[in-house]
C-alpha atoms as a PDB file:
ATOM      1  CA  MET A   1     -88.284 116.297 106.854  1.00  0.00           C
ATOM      2  CA  ILE A   2     -87.809 114.058 103.857  1.00  0.00           C
ATOM      3  CA  VAL A   3     -88.503 110.541 103.429  1.00  0.00           C
ATOM      4  CA  ILE A   4     -87.447 108.245 101.013  1.00  0.00           C
ATOM      5  CA  THR A   5     -89.372 105.387 100.324  1.00  0.00           C
ATOM      6  CA  SER A   6     -88.772 101.931 100.640  1.00  0.00           C
ATOM      7  CA  LYS A   7     -89.504  98.810  98.141  1.00  0.00           C
ATOM      8  CA  MET A   8     -92.087  97.473 100.974  1.00  0.00           C
ATOM      9  CA  MET A   9     -93.705 100.724 100.232  1.00  0.00           C
ATOM     10  CA  LEU A  10     -96.782 101.041  98.991  1.00  0.00           C
ATOM     11  CA  MET A  11     -96.517 104.536  97.169  1.00  0.00           C
ATOM     12  CA  GLY A  12     -97.723 106.087  93.825  1.00  0.00           C
ATOM     13  CA  ARG A  13     -94.489 104.643  92.148  1.00  0.00           C
ATOM     14  CA  ILE A  14     -94.146 104.607  88.479  1.00  0.00           C
ATOM     15  CA  CYS A  15     -90.377 104.682  86.247  1.00  0.00           C
ATOM     16  CA  ARG A  16     -89.430 106.557  82.973  1.00  0.00           C
ATOM     17  CA  ASP A  17     -86.289 107.836  81.089  1.00  0.00           C
ATOM     18  CA  LEU A  18     -85.968 111.505  81.419  1.00  0.00           C
ATOM     19  CA  LYS A  19     -83.451 113.520  79.806  1.00  0.00           C
ATOM     20  CA  ILE A  20     -82.170 116.043  83.562  1.00  0.00           C
ATOM     21  CA  ILE A  21     -80.700 119.185  82.387  1.00  0.00           C
ATOM     22  CA  GLY A  22     -78.240 120.739  85.199  1.00  0.00           C
ATOM     23  CA  SER A  23     -76.345 124.070  85.297  1.00  0.00           C
ATOM     24  CA  LYS A  24     -73.328 122.148  83.823  1.00  0.00           C
ATOM     25  CA  GLY A  25     -75.090 119.418  81.463  1.00  0.00           C
ATOM     26  CA  ASN A  26     -77.896 117.173  80.551  1.00  0.00           C
ATOM     27  CA  ARG A  27     -78.042 113.105  81.022  1.00  0.00           C
ATOM     28  CA  LEU A  28     -80.775 110.691  80.290  1.00  0.00           C
ATOM     29  CA  PHE A  29     -81.905 108.592  82.973  1.00  0.00           C
ATOM     30  CA  LYS A  30     -82.885 105.527  82.548  1.00  0.00           C
ATOM     31  CA  ASN A  31     -86.164 104.035  84.691  1.00  0.00           C
ATOM     32  CA  VAL A  32     -86.213 107.443  86.857  1.00  0.00           C
ATOM     33  CA  LEU A  33     -88.469 105.903  89.886  1.00  0.00           C
ATOM     34  CA  LEU A  34     -91.789 108.711  90.204  1.00  0.00           C
ATOM     35  CA  ASP A  35     -92.368 108.342  93.655  1.00  0.00           C
ATOM     36  CA  SER A  36     -95.342 110.088  95.207  1.00  0.00           C
ATOM     37  CA  GLY A  37     -94.380 108.677  98.683  1.00  0.00           C
ATOM     38  CA  ALA A  38     -90.808 110.585  98.555  1.00  0.00           C
ATOM     39  CA  THR A  39     -91.071 114.154 100.062  1.00  0.00           C
ATOM     40  CA  TYR A  40     -88.663 115.562  97.538  1.00  0.00           C
ATOM     41  CA  SER A  41     -86.320 114.767  94.070  1.00  0.00           C
ATOM     42  CA  VAL A  42     -83.063 113.461  95.182  1.00  0.00           C
ATOM     43  CA  MET A  43     -79.954 112.948  93.326  1.00  0.00           C
ATOM     44  CA  ARG A  44     -76.605 110.824  94.310  1.00  0.00           C
ATOM     45  CA  GLU A  45     -73.692 112.961  95.069  1.00  0.00           C
ATOM     46  CA  ASP A  46     -71.507 111.686  92.094  1.00  0.00           C
ATOM     47  CA  VAL A  47     -74.204 112.240  89.575  1.00  0.00           C
ATOM     48  CA  ALA A  48     -75.515 115.379  90.957  1.00  0.00           C
ATOM     49  CA  ARG A  49     -71.577 116.788  90.450  1.00  0.00           C
ATOM     50  CA  ASP A  50     -71.581 116.183  86.893  1.00  0.00           C
ATOM     51  CA  LEU A  51     -75.007 117.902  86.028  1.00  0.00           C
ATOM     52  CA  CYS A  52     -74.961 120.967  88.196  1.00  0.00           C
ATOM     53  CA  ASP A  53     -73.319 122.990  90.406  1.00  0.00           C
ATOM     54  CA  ILE A  54     -74.519 121.952  94.354  1.00  0.00           C
ATOM     55  CA  MET A  55     -76.104 124.810  96.512  1.00  0.00           C
ATOM     56  CA  PRO A  56     -74.730 123.568 100.367  1.00  0.00           C
ATOM     57  CA  PHE A  57     -77.549 123.530 103.159  1.00  0.00           C
ATOM     58  CA  PHE A  58     -76.590 126.489 105.975  1.00  0.00           C
ATOM     59  CA  ASP A  59     -77.278 127.171 109.309  1.00  0.00           C
ATOM     60  CA  ASP A  60     -78.192 130.661 110.511  1.00  0.00           C
ATOM     61  CA  GLN A  61     -74.700 131.290 111.254  1.00  0.00           C
ATOM     62  CA  ARG A  62     -73.492 130.339 107.399  1.00  0.00           C
ATOM     63  CA  ASN A  63     -71.999 127.672 108.316  1.00  0.00           C
ATOM     64  CA  GLU A  64     -72.287 124.837 105.827  1.00  0.00           C
ATOM     65  CA  ILE A  65     -74.185 121.425 107.061  1.00  0.00           C
ATOM     66  CA  GLU A  66     -75.338 118.324 106.558  1.00  0.00           C
ATOM     67  CA  ARG A  67     -78.873 117.517 106.861  1.00  0.00           C
ATOM     68  CA  PRO A  68     -80.226 113.697 107.742  1.00  0.00           C
ATOM     69  CA  VAL A  69     -82.646 112.404 105.109  1.00  0.00           C
ATOM     70  CA  PRO A  70     -84.454 109.637 107.161  1.00  0.00           C
ATOM     71  CA  LEU A  71     -85.539 106.492 105.683  1.00  0.00           C
ATOM     72  CA  PRO A  72     -88.909 104.865 106.165  1.00  0.00           C
ATOM     73  CA  ASP A  73     -87.397 101.763 108.380  1.00  0.00           C
ATOM     74  CA  GLY A  74     -87.404 104.771 110.819  1.00  0.00           C
ATOM     75  CA  GLU A  75     -83.344 103.070 111.317  1.00  0.00           C
ATOM     76  CA  HIS A  76     -81.004 104.399 108.842  1.00  0.00           C
ATOM     77  CA  ASP A  77     -80.512 108.025 107.369  1.00  0.00           C
ATOM     78  CA  LEU A  78     -79.056 109.369 104.398  1.00  0.00           C
ATOM     79  CA  THR A  79     -77.167 112.311 104.691  1.00  0.00           C
ATOM     80  CA  ALA A  80     -78.333 115.426 102.278  1.00  0.00           C
ATOM     81  CA  ILE A  81     -75.160 118.043 101.536  1.00  0.00           C
ATOM     82  CA  GLY A  82     -76.761 120.264  99.508  1.00  0.00           C
ATOM     83  CA  THR A  83     -79.358 121.251  96.439  1.00  0.00           C
ATOM     84  CA  CYS A  84     -79.273 120.931  92.698  1.00  0.00           C
ATOM     85  CA  LEU A  85     -81.142 123.095  90.288  1.00  0.00           C
ATOM     86  CA  PHE A  86     -82.675 120.779  87.836  1.00  0.00           C
ATOM     87  CA  GLN A  87     -85.168 120.779  84.411  1.00  0.00           C
ATOM     88  CA  THR A  88     -86.814 118.124  82.905  1.00  0.00           C
ATOM     89  CA  PHE A  89     -89.561 117.231  80.742  1.00  0.00           C
ATOM     90  CA  ILE A  90     -92.383 114.669  81.416  1.00  0.00           C
ATOM     91  CA  ASP A  91     -94.927 113.664  78.601  1.00  0.00           C
ATOM     92  CA  GLY A  92     -93.932 117.357  77.333  1.00  0.00           C
ATOM     93  CA  ARG A  93     -94.654 118.829  80.638  1.00  0.00           C
ATOM     94  CA  GLU A  94     -91.796 121.430  81.395  1.00  0.00           C
ATOM     95  CA  VAL A  95     -90.916 120.944  85.118  1.00  0.00           C
ATOM     96  CA  ARG A  96     -87.933 122.841  87.232  1.00  0.00           C
ATOM     97  CA  ASP A  97     -87.058 122.053  90.880  1.00  0.00           C
ATOM     98  CA  GLU A  98     -84.234 120.965  93.313  1.00  0.00           C
ATOM     99  CA  ALA A  99     -83.344 117.965  93.935  1.00  0.00           C
ATOM    100  CA  TRP A 100     -81.540 117.098  97.758  1.00  0.00           C
ATOM    101  CA  VAL A 101     -78.339 115.725  96.676  1.00  0.00           C
ATOM    102  CA  VAL A 102     -77.435 112.662  99.375  1.00  0.00           C
ATOM    103  CA  ASP A 103     -74.272 110.717  99.922  1.00  0.00           C
ATOM    104  CA  LYS A 104     -75.532 107.379  98.681  1.00  0.00           C
ATOM    105  CA  LEU A 105     -78.822 105.511  97.173  1.00  0.00           C
ATOM    106  CA  ASN A 106     -79.324 102.901  95.135  1.00  0.00           C
ATOM    107  CA  ARG A 107     -80.423 105.175  91.964  1.00  0.00           C
ATOM    108  CA  ASP A 108     -79.206 107.883  89.932  1.00  0.00           C
ATOM    109  CA  PHE A 109     -81.961 110.078  90.823  1.00  0.00           C
ATOM    110  CA  ILE A 110     -85.250 109.764  92.357  1.00  0.00           C
ATOM    111  CA  LEU A 111     -88.139 112.508  91.498  1.00  0.00           C
ATOM    112  CA  GLY A 112     -90.490 112.684  94.561  1.00  0.00           C
ATOM    113  CA  ALA A 113     -94.054 114.459  95.729  1.00  0.00           C
ATOM    114  CA  HIS A 114     -92.736 118.269  95.649  1.00  0.00           C
ATOM    115  CA  THR A 115     -91.600 117.867  91.817  1.00  0.00           C
ATOM    116  CA  LEU A 116     -94.906 116.047  90.459  1.00  0.00           C
ATOM    117  CA  GLN A 117     -96.538 118.369  92.686  1.00  0.00           C
ATOM    118  CA  GLU A 118     -94.422 121.677  90.700  1.00  0.00           C
ATOM    119  CA  GLY A 119     -95.576 120.205  87.617  1.00  0.00           C
ATOM    120  CA  ASN A 120     -98.708 119.376  88.446  1.00  0.00           C
ATOM    121  CA  ILE A 121     -98.406 115.851  87.535  1.00  0.00           C
ATOM    122  CA  LYS A 122    -100.528 112.816  89.068  1.00  0.00           C
ATOM    123  CA  LEU A 123     -99.644 109.525  89.597  1.00  0.00           C
ATOM    124  CA  VAL A 124    -102.704 107.140  88.430  1.00  0.00           C
ATOM    125  CA  HIS A 125    -102.862 103.348  89.714  1.00  0.00           C
ATOM    126  CA  ALA A 126    -104.755 101.463  87.818  1.00  0.00           C
ATOM    127  CA  LYS A 127    -105.229  97.645  87.143  1.00  0.00           C
ATOM    128  CA  LYS A 128    -103.874  96.563  83.527  1.00  0.00           C
ATOM    129  CA  GLU A 129    -108.316  96.333  82.384  1.00  0.00           C
ATOM    130  CA  GLU A 130    -108.661  99.730  83.310  1.00  0.00           C
ATOM    131  CA  GLY A 131    -105.308 101.399  81.203  1.00  0.00           C
ATOM    132  CA  GLY A 132    -102.887 100.050  83.668  1.00  0.00           C
ATOM    133  CA  ASP A 133    -100.449 103.290  86.005  1.00  0.00           C
ATOM    134  CA  ARG A 134    -100.172 105.695  84.112  1.00  0.00           C
ATOM    135  CA  ILE A 135     -99.474 109.615  84.302  1.00  0.00           C
ATOM    136  CA  GLU A 136    -102.060 112.573  83.814  1.00  0.00           C
ATOM    137  CA  LEU A 137    -101.590 115.964  83.856  1.00  0.00           C
ATOM    138  CA  GLY A 138    -103.226 118.454  84.965  1.00  0.00           C
ATOM    139  CA  GLU A 139    -103.774 120.769  88.328  1.00  0.00           C
ATOM    140  CA  VAL A 140    -103.556 118.209  91.245  1.00  0.00           C
ATOM    141  CA  ASP A 141    -103.519 119.401  94.971  1.00  0.00           C
ATOM    142  CA  ALA A 142    -101.269 118.669  97.887  1.00  0.00           C
ATOM    143  CA  VAL A 143    -103.812 116.314  99.268  1.00  0.00           C
ATOM    144  CA  GLU A 144    -104.540 114.731  96.116  1.00  0.00           C
ATOM    145  CA  LEU A 145    -101.256 113.549  95.543  1.00  0.00           C
ATOM    146  CA  TRP A 146    -100.288 112.199  98.558  1.00  0.00           C
ATOM    147  CA  CYS A 147    -103.539 109.985  99.206  1.00  0.00           C
ATOM    148  CA  ILE A 148    -102.340 108.347  95.543  1.00  0.00           C
END
């Protein structure tokens, strides 16, 4: 199950400008939300169609299907139609992963926990006097990532 965080939830969130590279081209995204509370990265469908070839989801009979993407409020869902392979660099670290392609999203792209883990990237939230919010590169296990 994939969960997209809302503005009301207190999870690990930092924004960065990121160049996202897909099979059809690349684009600089401003203020990409790096969200350890979102299970997977997600990309809005219209953006994904310009950047990559979308791999649909299939059932066991090879019929194309859509997958619900529950939101934290428990009342609303987005709809994922497939995945989009992408590459980016975060503080010089190359990261390759897939984003779930969703029908509606209030942002073009959200980078989720799976992608952060794939790149061994940790979101650190600290008070201003402690250096403020930042990204650390290194080995991060799944338990530590979810406990940020």
